[in-house]
Amino acid sequence: MIGATIAFQIQRILSTVSTAMRGGHLMIDNFTDFCETRGLMYLTDGYMDDVLAWLVVALGIYFQLFLVTSLPFIIKLVVLPLFLLEWLLTTLISTV
């Protein structure tokens, strides 16, 4: 059960990094296309778009991993049933 719990935590971190990378690059690619249609070509020249994409990726990972625990109390109270359901499902799957 301990090994399954550790595996679930590792998978959660891997999924967080993967979705942050995908979302960050999609956001900057679409912003770059928007700037090109407006005639602003400075973002597509050089490495500026890559730097911005990795900045967005880093912020996405930080928000998903560390700021979820610092939500206001009322939001934690509203989302508590979902957290309990997730914990129950993780525990049931790891015992099978």
PDB file of N, CA and C in Angstrom:
ATOM      1  N   MET A   1       0.827  -1.186   0.000  1.00  0.00           N
ATOM      2  CA  MET A   1       0.000   0.000   0.000  1.00  0.00           C
ATOM      3  C   MET A   1       0.878   1.259   0.000  1.00  0.00           C
ATOM      4  N   ILE A   2       1.972   1.207   0.714  1.00  0.00           N
ATOM      5  CA  ILE A   2       2.881   2.348   0.757  1.00  0.00           C
ATOM      6  C   ILE A   2       3.505   2.567  -0.620  1.00  0.00           C
ATOM      7  N   GLY A   3       3.910   1.483  -1.268  1.00  0.00           N
ATOM      8  CA  GLY A   3       4.504   1.586  -2.603  1.00  0.00           C
ATOM      9  C   GLY A   3       3.527   2.149  -3.614  1.00  0.00           C
ATOM     10  N   ALA A   4       2.269   1.734  -3.535  1.00  0.00           N
ATOM     11  CA  ALA A   4       1.262   2.260  -4.456  1.00  0.00           C
ATOM     12  C   ALA A   4       1.016   3.743  -4.200  1.00  0.00           C
ATOM     13  N   THR A   5       1.014   4.141  -2.952  1.00  0.00           N
ATOM     14  CA  THR A   5       0.831   5.550  -2.621  1.00  0.00           C
ATOM     15  C   THR A   5       1.980   6.395  -3.171  1.00  0.00           C
ATOM     16  N   ILE A   6       3.205   5.892  -3.024  1.00  0.00           N
ATOM     17  CA  ILE A   6       4.367   6.594  -3.568  1.00  0.00           C
ATOM     18  C   ILE A   6       4.281   6.668  -5.093  1.00  0.00           C
ATOM     19  N   ALA A   7       3.858   5.574  -5.717  1.00  0.00           N
ATOM     20  CA  ALA A   7       3.714   5.557  -7.175  1.00  0.00           C
ATOM     21  C   ALA A   7       2.664   6.566  -7.637  1.00  0.00           C
ATOM     22  N   PHE A   8       1.555   6.683  -6.904  1.00  0.00           N
ATOM     23  CA  PHE A   8       0.534   7.659  -7.264  1.00  0.00           C
ATOM     24  C   PHE A   8       1.060   9.087  -7.133  1.00  0.00           C
ATOM     25  N   GLN A   9       1.848   9.358  -6.105  1.00  0.00           N
ATOM     26  CA  GLN A   9       2.411  10.699  -5.936  1.00  0.00           C
ATOM     27  C   GLN A   9       3.399  11.031  -7.062  1.00  0.00           C
ATOM     28  N   ILE A  10       4.217  10.062  -7.429  1.00  0.00           N
ATOM     29  CA  ILE A  10       5.153  10.278  -8.531  1.00  0.00           C
ATOM     30  C   ILE A  10       4.395  10.524  -9.833  1.00  0.00           C
ATOM     31  N   GLN A  11       3.343   9.757 -10.065  1.00  0.00           N
ATOM     32  CA  GLN A  11       2.542   9.945 -11.275  1.00  0.00           C
ATOM     33  C   GLN A  11       1.858  11.303 -11.269  1.00  0.00           C
ATOM     34  N   ARG A  12       1.406  11.759 -10.108  1.00  0.00           N
ATOM     35  CA  ARG A  12       0.778  13.074 -10.011  1.00  0.00           C
ATOM     36  C   ARG A  12       1.775  14.174 -10.389  1.00  0.00           C
ATOM     37  N   ILE A  13       3.014  14.052  -9.926  1.00  0.00           N
ATOM     38  CA  ILE A  13       4.035  15.046 -10.253  1.00  0.00           C
ATOM     39  C   ILE A  13       4.370  15.005 -11.745  1.00  0.00           C
ATOM     40  N   LEU A  14       4.504  13.798 -12.304  1.00  0.00           N
ATOM     41  CA  LEU A  14       4.787  13.672 -13.736  1.00  0.00           C
ATOM     42  C   LEU A  14       3.655  14.259 -14.576  1.00  0.00           C
ATOM     43  N   SER A  15       2.423  14.017 -14.177  1.00  0.00           N
ATOM     44  CA  SER A  15       1.280  14.577 -14.914  1.00  0.00           C
ATOM     45  C   SER A  15       1.249  16.093 -14.813  1.00  0.00           C
ATOM     46  N   THR A  16       1.607  16.615 -13.640  1.00  0.00           N
ATOM     47  CA  THR A  16       1.651  18.068 -13.465  1.00  0.00           C
ATOM     48  C   THR A  16       2.677  18.695 -14.381  1.00  0.00           C
ATOM     49  N   VAL A  17       3.859  18.122 -14.432  1.00  0.00           N
ATOM     50  CA  VAL A  17       4.911  18.663 -15.293  1.00  0.00           C
ATOM     51  C   VAL A  17       4.509  18.550 -16.765  1.00  0.00           C
ATOM     52  N   SER A  18       3.948  17.436 -17.145  1.00  0.00           N
ATOM     53  CA  SER A  18       3.544  17.228 -18.532  1.00  0.00           C
ATOM     54  C   SER A  18       2.465  18.225 -18.965  1.00  0.00           C
ATOM     55  N   THR A  19       1.434  18.399 -18.148  1.00  0.00           N
ATOM     56  CA  THR A  19       0.366  19.326 -18.521  1.00  0.00           C
ATOM     57  C   THR A  19       0.844  20.771 -18.497  1.00  0.00           C
ATOM     58  N   ALA A  20       1.731  21.110 -17.577  1.00  0.00           N
ATOM     59  CA  ALA A  20       2.267  22.471 -17.540  1.00  0.00           C
ATOM     60  C   ALA A  20       3.103  22.750 -18.783  1.00  0.00           C
ATOM     61  N   MET A  21       3.903  21.777 -19.210  1.00  0.00           N
ATOM     62  CA  MET A  21       4.712  21.960 -20.415  1.00  0.00           C
ATOM     63  C   MET A  21       3.827  22.117 -21.646  1.00  0.00           C
ATOM     64  N   ARG A  22       2.847  21.259 -21.757  1.00  0.00           N
ATOM     65  CA  ARG A  22       1.955  21.318 -22.917  1.00  0.00           C
ATOM     66  C   ARG A  22       1.184  22.634 -22.947  1.00  0.00           C
ATOM     67  N   GLY A  23       0.621  23.011 -21.800  1.00  0.00           N
ATOM     68  CA  GLY A  23      -0.165  24.238 -21.729  1.00  0.00           C
ATOM     69  C   GLY A  23       0.670  25.486 -21.952  1.00  0.00           C
ATOM     70  N   GLY A  24       1.864  25.527 -21.379  1.00  0.00           N
ATOM     71  CA  GLY A  24       2.728  26.691 -21.551  1.00  0.00           C
ATOM     72  C   GLY A  24       3.130  26.894 -22.995  1.00  0.00           C
ATOM     73  N   HIS A  25       3.508  25.819 -23.648  1.00  0.00           N
ATOM     74  CA  HIS A  25       3.912  25.935 -25.052  1.00  0.00           C
ATOM     75  C   HIS A  25       2.722  26.249 -25.958  1.00  0.00           C
ATOM     76  N   LEU A  26       1.552  25.680 -25.665  1.00  0.00           N
ATOM     77  CA  LEU A  26       0.362  26.014 -26.458  1.00  0.00           C
ATOM     78  C   LEU A  26      -0.003  27.485 -26.303  1.00  0.00           C
ATOM     79  N   MET A  27       0.084  27.990 -25.078  1.00  0.00           N
ATOM     80  CA  MET A  27      -0.271  29.382 -24.836  1.00  0.00           C
ATOM     81  C   MET A  27       0.662  30.332 -25.584  1.00  0.00           C
ATOM     82  N   ILE A  28       1.961  30.095 -25.492  1.00  0.00           N
ATOM     83  CA  ILE A  28       2.918  30.979 -26.153  1.00  0.00           C
ATOM     84  C   ILE A  28       2.849  30.825 -27.673  1.00  0.00           C
ATOM     85  N   ASP A  29       2.633  29.605 -28.176  1.00  0.00           N
ATOM     86  CA  ASP A  29       2.497  29.424 -29.636  1.00  0.00           C
ATOM     87  C   ASP A  29       1.287  30.189 -30.168  1.00  0.00           C
ATOM     88  N   ASN A  30       0.170  30.117 -29.464  1.00  0.00           N
ATOM     89  CA  ASN A  30      -1.015  30.855 -29.906  1.00  0.00           C
ATOM     90  C   ASN A  30      -0.815  32.356 -29.774  1.00  0.00           C
ATOM     91  N   PHE A  31      -0.131  32.796 -28.722  1.00  0.00           N
ATOM     92  CA  PHE A  31       0.162  34.219 -28.570  1.00  0.00           C
ATOM     93  C   PHE A  31       1.091  34.703 -29.681  1.00  0.00           C
ATOM     94  N   THR A  32       2.044  33.864 -30.061  1.00  0.00           N
ATOM     95  CA  THR A  32       2.947  34.201 -31.162  1.00  0.00           C
ATOM     96  C   THR A  32       2.167  34.344 -32.469  1.00  0.00           C
ATOM     97  N   ASP A  33       1.245  33.412 -32.727  1.00  0.00           N
ATOM     98  CA  ASP A  33       0.407  33.517 -33.933  1.00  0.00           C
ATOM     99  C   ASP A  33      -0.432  34.796 -33.906  1.00  0.00           C
ATOM    100  N   PHE A  34      -0.964  35.136 -32.738  1.00  0.00           N
ATOM    101  CA  PHE A  34      -1.752  36.357 -32.598  1.00  0.00           C
ATOM    102  C   PHE A  34      -0.897  37.583 -32.902  1.00  0.00           C
ATOM    103  N   CYS A  35       0.322  37.596 -32.385  1.00  0.00           N
ATOM    104  CA  CYS A  35       1.225  38.734 -32.634  1.00  0.00           C
ATOM    105  C   CYS A  35       1.600  38.824 -34.109  1.00  0.00           C
ATOM    106  N   GLU A  36       1.775  37.690 -34.763  1.00  0.00           N
ATOM    107  CA  GLU A  36       2.102  37.708 -36.194  1.00  0.00           C
ATOM    108  C   GLU A  36       0.961  38.285 -37.019  1.00  0.00           C
ATOM    109  N   THR A  37      -0.278  37.991 -36.650  1.00  0.00           N
ATOM    110  CA  THR A  37      -1.411  38.556 -37.392  1.00  0.00           C
ATOM    111  C   THR A  37      -1.522  40.053 -37.184  1.00  0.00           C
ATOM    112  N   ARG A  38      -1.031  40.545 -36.068  1.00  0.00           N
ATOM    113  CA  ARG A  38      -1.059  41.982 -35.781  1.00  0.00           C
ATOM    114  C   ARG A  38       0.180  42.706 -36.292  1.00  0.00           C
ATOM    115  N   GLY A  39       1.136  41.954 -36.854  1.00  0.00           N
ATOM    116  CA  GLY A  39       2.335  42.575 -37.404  1.00  0.00           C
ATOM    117  C   GLY A  39       3.445  42.780 -36.389  1.00  0.00           C
ATOM    118  N   LEU A  40       3.325  42.183 -35.214  1.00  0.00           N
ATOM    119  CA  LEU A  40       4.362  42.294 -34.185  1.00  0.00           C
ATOM    120  C   LEU A  40       5.290  41.093 -34.310  1.00  0.00           C
ATOM    121  N   MET A  41       6.373  41.259 -35.003  1.00  0.00           N
ATOM    122  CA  MET A  41       7.252  40.135 -35.318  1.00  0.00           C
ATOM    123  C   MET A  41       8.384  39.957 -34.308  1.00  0.00           C
ATOM    124  N   TYR A  42       8.497  40.844 -33.317  1.00  0.00           N
ATOM    125  CA  TYR A  42       9.633  40.746 -32.398  1.00  0.00           C
ATOM    126  C   TYR A  42       9.575  39.505 -31.521  1.00  0.00           C
ATOM    127  N   LEU A  43       8.393  38.961 -31.291  1.00  0.00           N
ATOM    128  CA  LEU A  43       8.288  37.775 -30.458  1.00  0.00           C
ATOM    129  C   LEU A  43       8.756  36.522 -31.191  1.00  0.00           C
ATOM    130  N   THR A  44       8.635  36.505 -32.494  1.00  0.00           N
ATOM    131  CA  THR A  44       9.027  35.318 -33.253  1.00  0.00           C
ATOM    132  C   THR A  44      10.506  35.320 -33.607  1.00  0.00           C
ATOM    133  N   ASP A  45      11.177  36.445 -33.444  1.00  0.00           N
ATOM    134  CA  ASP A  45      12.604  36.517 -33.742  1.00  0.00           C
ATOM    135  C   ASP A  45      13.413  36.048 -32.538  1.00  0.00           C
ATOM    136  N   GLY A  46      14.352  35.157 -32.770  1.00  0.00           N
ATOM    137  CA  GLY A  46      15.238  34.705 -31.702  1.00  0.00           C
ATOM    138  C   GLY A  46      14.586  33.709 -30.757  1.00  0.00           C
ATOM    139  N   TYR A  47      14.990  33.806 -29.504  1.00  0.00           N
ATOM    140  CA  TYR A  47      14.556  32.840 -28.499  1.00  0.00           C
ATOM    141  C   TYR A  47      13.530  33.395 -27.524  1.00  0.00           C
ATOM    142  N   MET A  48      12.980  34.553 -27.814  1.00  0.00           N
ATOM    143  CA  MET A  48      12.053  35.187 -26.878  1.00  0.00           C
ATOM    144  C   MET A  48      10.825  34.320 -26.610  1.00  0.00           C
ATOM    145  N   ASP A  49      10.284  33.678 -27.636  1.00  0.00           N
ATOM    146  CA  ASP A  49       9.106  32.842 -27.430  1.00  0.00           C
ATOM    147  C   ASP A  49       9.427  31.618 -26.588  1.00  0.00           C
ATOM    148  N   ASP A  50      10.624  31.043 -26.754  1.00  0.00           N
ATOM    149  CA  ASP A  50      11.006  29.885 -25.945  1.00  0.00           C
ATOM    150  C   ASP A  50      11.214  30.265 -24.484  1.00  0.00           C
ATOM    151  N   VAL A  51      11.813  31.420 -24.258  1.00  0.00           N
ATOM    152  CA  VAL A  51      12.024  31.875 -22.888  1.00  0.00           C
ATOM    153  C   VAL A  51      10.682  32.116 -22.198  1.00  0.00           C
ATOM    154  N   LEU A  52       9.757  32.763 -22.896  1.00  0.00           N
ATOM    155  CA  LEU A  52       8.433  33.000 -22.326  1.00  0.00           C
ATOM    156  C   LEU A  52       7.681  31.695 -22.086  1.00  0.00           C
ATOM    157  N   ALA A  53       7.814  30.742 -23.001  1.00  0.00           N
ATOM    158  CA  ALA A  53       7.141  29.452 -22.824  1.00  0.00           C
ATOM    159  C   ALA A  53       7.655  28.734 -21.587  1.00  0.00           C
ATOM    160  N   TRP A  54       8.964  28.718 -21.391  1.00  0.00           N
ATOM    161  CA  TRP A  54       9.503  28.031 -20.215  1.00  0.00           C
ATOM    162  C   TRP A  54       9.184  28.771 -18.928  1.00  0.00           C
ATOM    163  N   LEU A  55       9.035  30.094 -18.994  1.00  0.00           N
ATOM    164  CA  LEU A  55       8.603  30.845 -17.823  1.00  0.00           C
ATOM    165  C   LEU A  55       7.169  30.471 -17.447  1.00  0.00           C
ATOM    166  N   VAL A  56       6.309  30.371 -18.449  1.00  0.00           N
ATOM    167  CA  VAL A  56       4.923  29.967 -18.200  1.00  0.00           C
ATOM    168  C   VAL A  56       4.870  28.531 -17.678  1.00  0.00           C
ATOM    169  N   VAL A  57       5.719  27.664 -18.205  1.00  0.00           N
ATOM    170  CA  VAL A  57       5.781  26.277 -17.729  1.00  0.00           C
ATOM    171  C   VAL A  57       6.193  26.239 -16.257  1.00  0.00           C
ATOM    172  N   ALA A  58       7.215  26.995 -15.899  1.00  0.00           N
ATOM    173  CA  ALA A  58       7.671  27.016 -14.510  1.00  0.00           C
ATOM    174  C   ALA A  58       6.589  27.548 -13.581  1.00  0.00           C
ATOM    175  N   LEU A  59       5.889  28.593 -14.009  1.00  0.00           N
ATOM    176  CA  LEU A  59       4.798  29.121 -13.194  1.00  0.00           C
ATOM    177  C   LEU A  59       3.655  28.108 -13.064  1.00  0.00           C
ATOM    178  N   GLY A  60       3.354  27.399 -14.142  1.00  0.00           N
ATOM    179  CA  GLY A  60       2.300  26.386 -14.090  1.00  0.00           C
ATOM    180  C   GLY A  60       2.634  25.259 -13.133  1.00  0.00           C
ATOM    181  N   ILE A  61       3.870  24.801 -13.149  1.00  0.00           N
ATOM    182  CA  ILE A  61       4.287  23.741 -12.224  1.00  0.00           C
ATOM    183  C   ILE A  61       4.215  24.249 -10.791  1.00  0.00           C
ATOM    184  N   TYR A  62       4.699  25.470 -10.567  1.00  0.00           N
ATOM    185  CA  TYR A  62       4.678  26.028  -9.213  1.00  0.00           C
ATOM    186  C   TYR A  62       3.249  26.150  -8.693  1.00  0.00           C
ATOM    187  N   PHE A  63       2.347  26.694  -9.514  1.00  0.00           N
ATOM    188  CA  PHE A  63       0.973  26.866  -9.070  1.00  0.00           C
ATOM    189  C   PHE A  63       0.296  25.525  -8.794  1.00  0.00           C
ATOM    190  N   GLN A  64       0.518  24.540  -9.663  1.00  0.00           N
ATOM    191  CA  GLN A  64      -0.154  23.259  -9.484  1.00  0.00           C
ATOM    192  C   GLN A  64       0.381  22.472  -8.298  1.00  0.00           C
ATOM    193  N   LEU A  65       1.680  22.554  -8.041  1.00  0.00           N
ATOM    194  CA  LEU A  65       2.250  21.745  -6.967  1.00  0.00           C
ATOM    195  C   LEU A  65       2.201  22.419  -5.600  1.00  0.00           C
ATOM    196  N   PHE A  66       2.378  23.737  -5.553  1.00  0.00           N
ATOM    197  CA  PHE A  66       2.565  24.374  -4.259  1.00  0.00           C
ATOM    198  C   PHE A  66       1.456  25.321  -3.829  1.00  0.00           C
ATOM    199  N   LEU A  67       0.726  25.903  -4.737  1.00  0.00           N
ATOM    200  CA  LEU A  67      -0.291  26.869  -4.338  1.00  0.00           C
ATOM    201  C   LEU A  67      -1.661  26.255  -4.091  1.00  0.00           C
ATOM    202  N   VAL A  68      -1.865  25.010  -4.482  1.00  0.00           N
ATOM    203  CA  VAL A  68      -3.147  24.364  -4.220  1.00  0.00           C
ATOM    204  C   VAL A  68      -3.348  24.205  -2.721  1.00  0.00           C
ATOM    205  N   THR A  69      -2.270  23.993  -1.981  1.00  0.00           N
ATOM    206  CA  THR A  69      -2.386  23.803  -0.537  1.00  0.00           C
ATOM    207  C   THR A  69      -2.635  25.109   0.199  1.00  0.00           C
ATOM    208  N   SER A  70      -2.443  26.247  -0.435  1.00  0.00           N
ATOM    209  CA  SER A  70      -2.651  27.526   0.241  1.00  0.00           C
ATOM    210  C   SER A  70      -3.943  28.210  -0.212  1.00  0.00           C
ATOM    211  N   LEU A  71      -4.920  27.419  -0.585  1.00  0.00           N
ATOM    212  CA  LEU A  71      -6.211  27.984  -0.964  1.00  0.00           C
ATOM    213  C   LEU A  71      -6.918  28.542   0.269  1.00  0.00           C
ATOM    214  N   PRO A  72      -7.804  29.514   0.083  1.00  0.00           N
ATOM    215  CA  PRO A  72      -8.582  30.017   1.220  1.00  0.00           C
ATOM    216  C   PRO A  72      -9.445  28.912   1.836  1.00  0.00           C
ATOM    217  N   PHE A  73      -9.762  29.065   3.098  1.00  0.00           N
ATOM    218  CA  PHE A  73     -10.484  28.030   3.845  1.00  0.00           C
ATOM    219  C   PHE A  73     -11.824  27.698   3.212  1.00  0.00           C
ATOM    220  N   ILE A  74     -12.563  28.695   2.751  1.00  0.00           N
ATOM    221  CA  ILE A  74     -13.893  28.442   2.197  1.00  0.00           C
ATOM    222  C   ILE A  74     -13.816  27.582   0.936  1.00  0.00           C
ATOM    223  N   ILE A  75     -12.786  27.790   0.121  1.00  0.00           N
ATOM    224  CA  ILE A  75     -12.635  26.977  -1.085  1.00  0.00           C
ATOM    225  C   ILE A  75     -12.235  25.552  -0.697  1.00  0.00           C
ATOM    226  N   LYS A  76     -11.358  25.419   0.301  1.00  0.00           N
ATOM    227  CA  LYS A  76     -10.996  24.087   0.777  1.00  0.00           C
ATOM    228  C   LYS A  76     -12.219  23.349   1.316  1.00  0.00           C
ATOM    229  N   LEU A  77     -13.094  24.072   1.995  1.00  0.00           N
ATOM    230  CA  LEU A  77     -14.294  23.461   2.548  1.00  0.00           C
ATOM    231  C   LEU A  77     -15.236  22.990   1.449  1.00  0.00           C
ATOM    232  N   VAL A  78     -15.367  23.775   0.392  1.00  0.00           N
ATOM    233  CA  VAL A  78     -16.249  23.405  -0.723  1.00  0.00           C
ATOM    234  C   VAL A  78     -15.686  22.197  -1.470  1.00  0.00           C
ATOM    235  N   VAL A  79     -14.365  22.129  -1.626  1.00  0.00           N
ATOM    236  CA  VAL A  79     -13.732  21.084  -2.416  1.00  0.00           C
ATOM    237  C   VAL A  79     -13.392  19.844  -1.566  1.00  0.00           C
ATOM    238  N   LEU A  80     -13.620  19.909  -0.257  1.00  0.00           N
ATOM    239  CA  LEU A  80     -13.288  18.791   0.625  1.00  0.00           C
ATOM    240  C   LEU A  80     -13.906  17.458   0.191  1.00  0.00           C
ATOM    241  N   PRO A  81     -15.178  17.394  -0.215  1.00  0.00           N
ATOM    242  CA  PRO A  81     -15.715  16.102  -0.663  1.00  0.00           C
ATOM    243  C   PRO A  81     -14.949  15.511  -1.853  1.00  0.00           C
ATOM    244  N   LEU A  82     -14.481  16.354  -2.761  1.00  0.00           N
ATOM    245  CA  LEU A  82     -13.713  15.852  -3.904  1.00  0.00           C
ATOM    246  C   LEU A  82     -12.354  15.324  -3.469  1.00  0.00           C
ATOM    247  N   PHE A  83     -11.700  16.012  -2.516  1.00  0.00           N
ATOM    248  CA  PHE A  83     -10.425  15.523  -1.993  1.00  0.00           C
ATOM    249  C   PHE A  83     -10.610  14.181  -1.281  1.00  0.00           C
ATOM    250  N   LEU A  84     -11.697  14.062  -0.515  1.00  0.00           N
ATOM    251  CA  LEU A  84     -11.967  12.796   0.176  1.00  0.00           C
ATOM    252  C   LEU A  84     -12.269  11.677  -0.817  1.00  0.00           C
ATOM    253  N   LEU A  85     -13.011  11.989  -1.860  1.00  0.00           N
ATOM    254  CA  LEU A  85     -13.303  10.993  -2.889  1.00  0.00           C
ATOM    255  C   LEU A  85     -12.031  10.551  -3.597  1.00  0.00           C
ATOM    256  N   GLU A  86     -11.150  11.493  -3.904  1.00  0.00           N
ATOM    257  CA  GLU A  86      -9.878  11.149  -4.540  1.00  0.00           C
ATOM    258  C   GLU A  86      -9.037  10.261  -3.623  1.00  0.00           C
ATOM    259  N   TRP A  87      -8.994  10.607  -2.331  1.00  0.00           N
ATOM    260  CA  TRP A  87      -8.237   9.798  -1.373  1.00  0.00           C
ATOM    261  C   TRP A  87      -8.817   8.388  -1.277  1.00  0.00           C
ATOM    262  N   LEU A  88     -10.146   8.283  -1.235  1.00  0.00           N
ATOM    263  CA  LEU A  88     -10.798   6.983  -1.150  1.00  0.00           C
ATOM    264  C   LEU A  88     -10.517   6.138  -2.385  1.00  0.00           C
ATOM    265  N   LEU A  89     -10.635   6.719  -3.569  1.00  0.00           N
ATOM    266  CA  LEU A  89     -10.366   5.980  -4.794  1.00  0.00           C
ATOM    267  C   LEU A  89      -8.897   5.537  -4.878  1.00  0.00           C
ATOM    268  N   THR A  90      -7.975   6.426  -4.482  1.00  0.00           N
ATOM    269  CA  THR A  90      -6.556   6.067  -4.489  1.00  0.00           C
ATOM    270  C   THR A  90      -6.290   4.920  -3.527  1.00  0.00           C
ATOM    271  N   THR A  91      -6.901   4.963  -2.361  1.00  0.00           N
ATOM    272  CA  THR A  91      -6.711   3.902  -1.379  1.00  0.00           C
ATOM    273  C   THR A  91      -7.313   2.588  -1.869  1.00  0.00           C
ATOM    274  N   LEU A  92      -8.500   2.642  -2.441  1.00  0.00           N
ATOM    275  CA  LEU A  92      -9.136   1.411  -2.932  1.00  0.00           C
ATOM    276  C   LEU A  92      -8.360   0.790  -4.082  1.00  0.00           C
ATOM    277  N   ILE A  93      -7.852   1.614  -4.981  1.00  0.00           N
ATOM    278  CA  ILE A  93      -7.102   1.084  -6.123  1.00  0.00           C
ATOM    279  C   ILE A  93      -5.775   0.492  -5.667  1.00  0.00           C
ATOM    280  N   SER A  94      -5.143   1.130  -4.676  1.00  0.00           N
ATOM    281  CA  SER A  94      -3.849   0.624  -4.226  1.00  0.00           C
ATOM    282  C   SER A  94      -3.953  -0.660  -3.424  1.00  0.00           C
ATOM    283  N   THR A  95      -5.127  -0.971  -2.889  1.00  0.00           N
ATOM    284  CA  THR A  95      -5.280  -2.213  -2.126  1.00  0.00           C
ATOM    285  C   THR A  95      -5.656  -3.395  -3.006  1.00  0.00           C
ATOM    286  N   VAL A  96      -6.034  -3.144  -4.234  1.00  0.00           N
ATOM    287  CA  VAL A  96      -6.453  -4.244  -5.124  1.00  0.00           C
ATOM    288  C   VAL A  96      -5.268  -5.002  -5.644  1.00  0.00           C
TER     289      VAL A  96
END
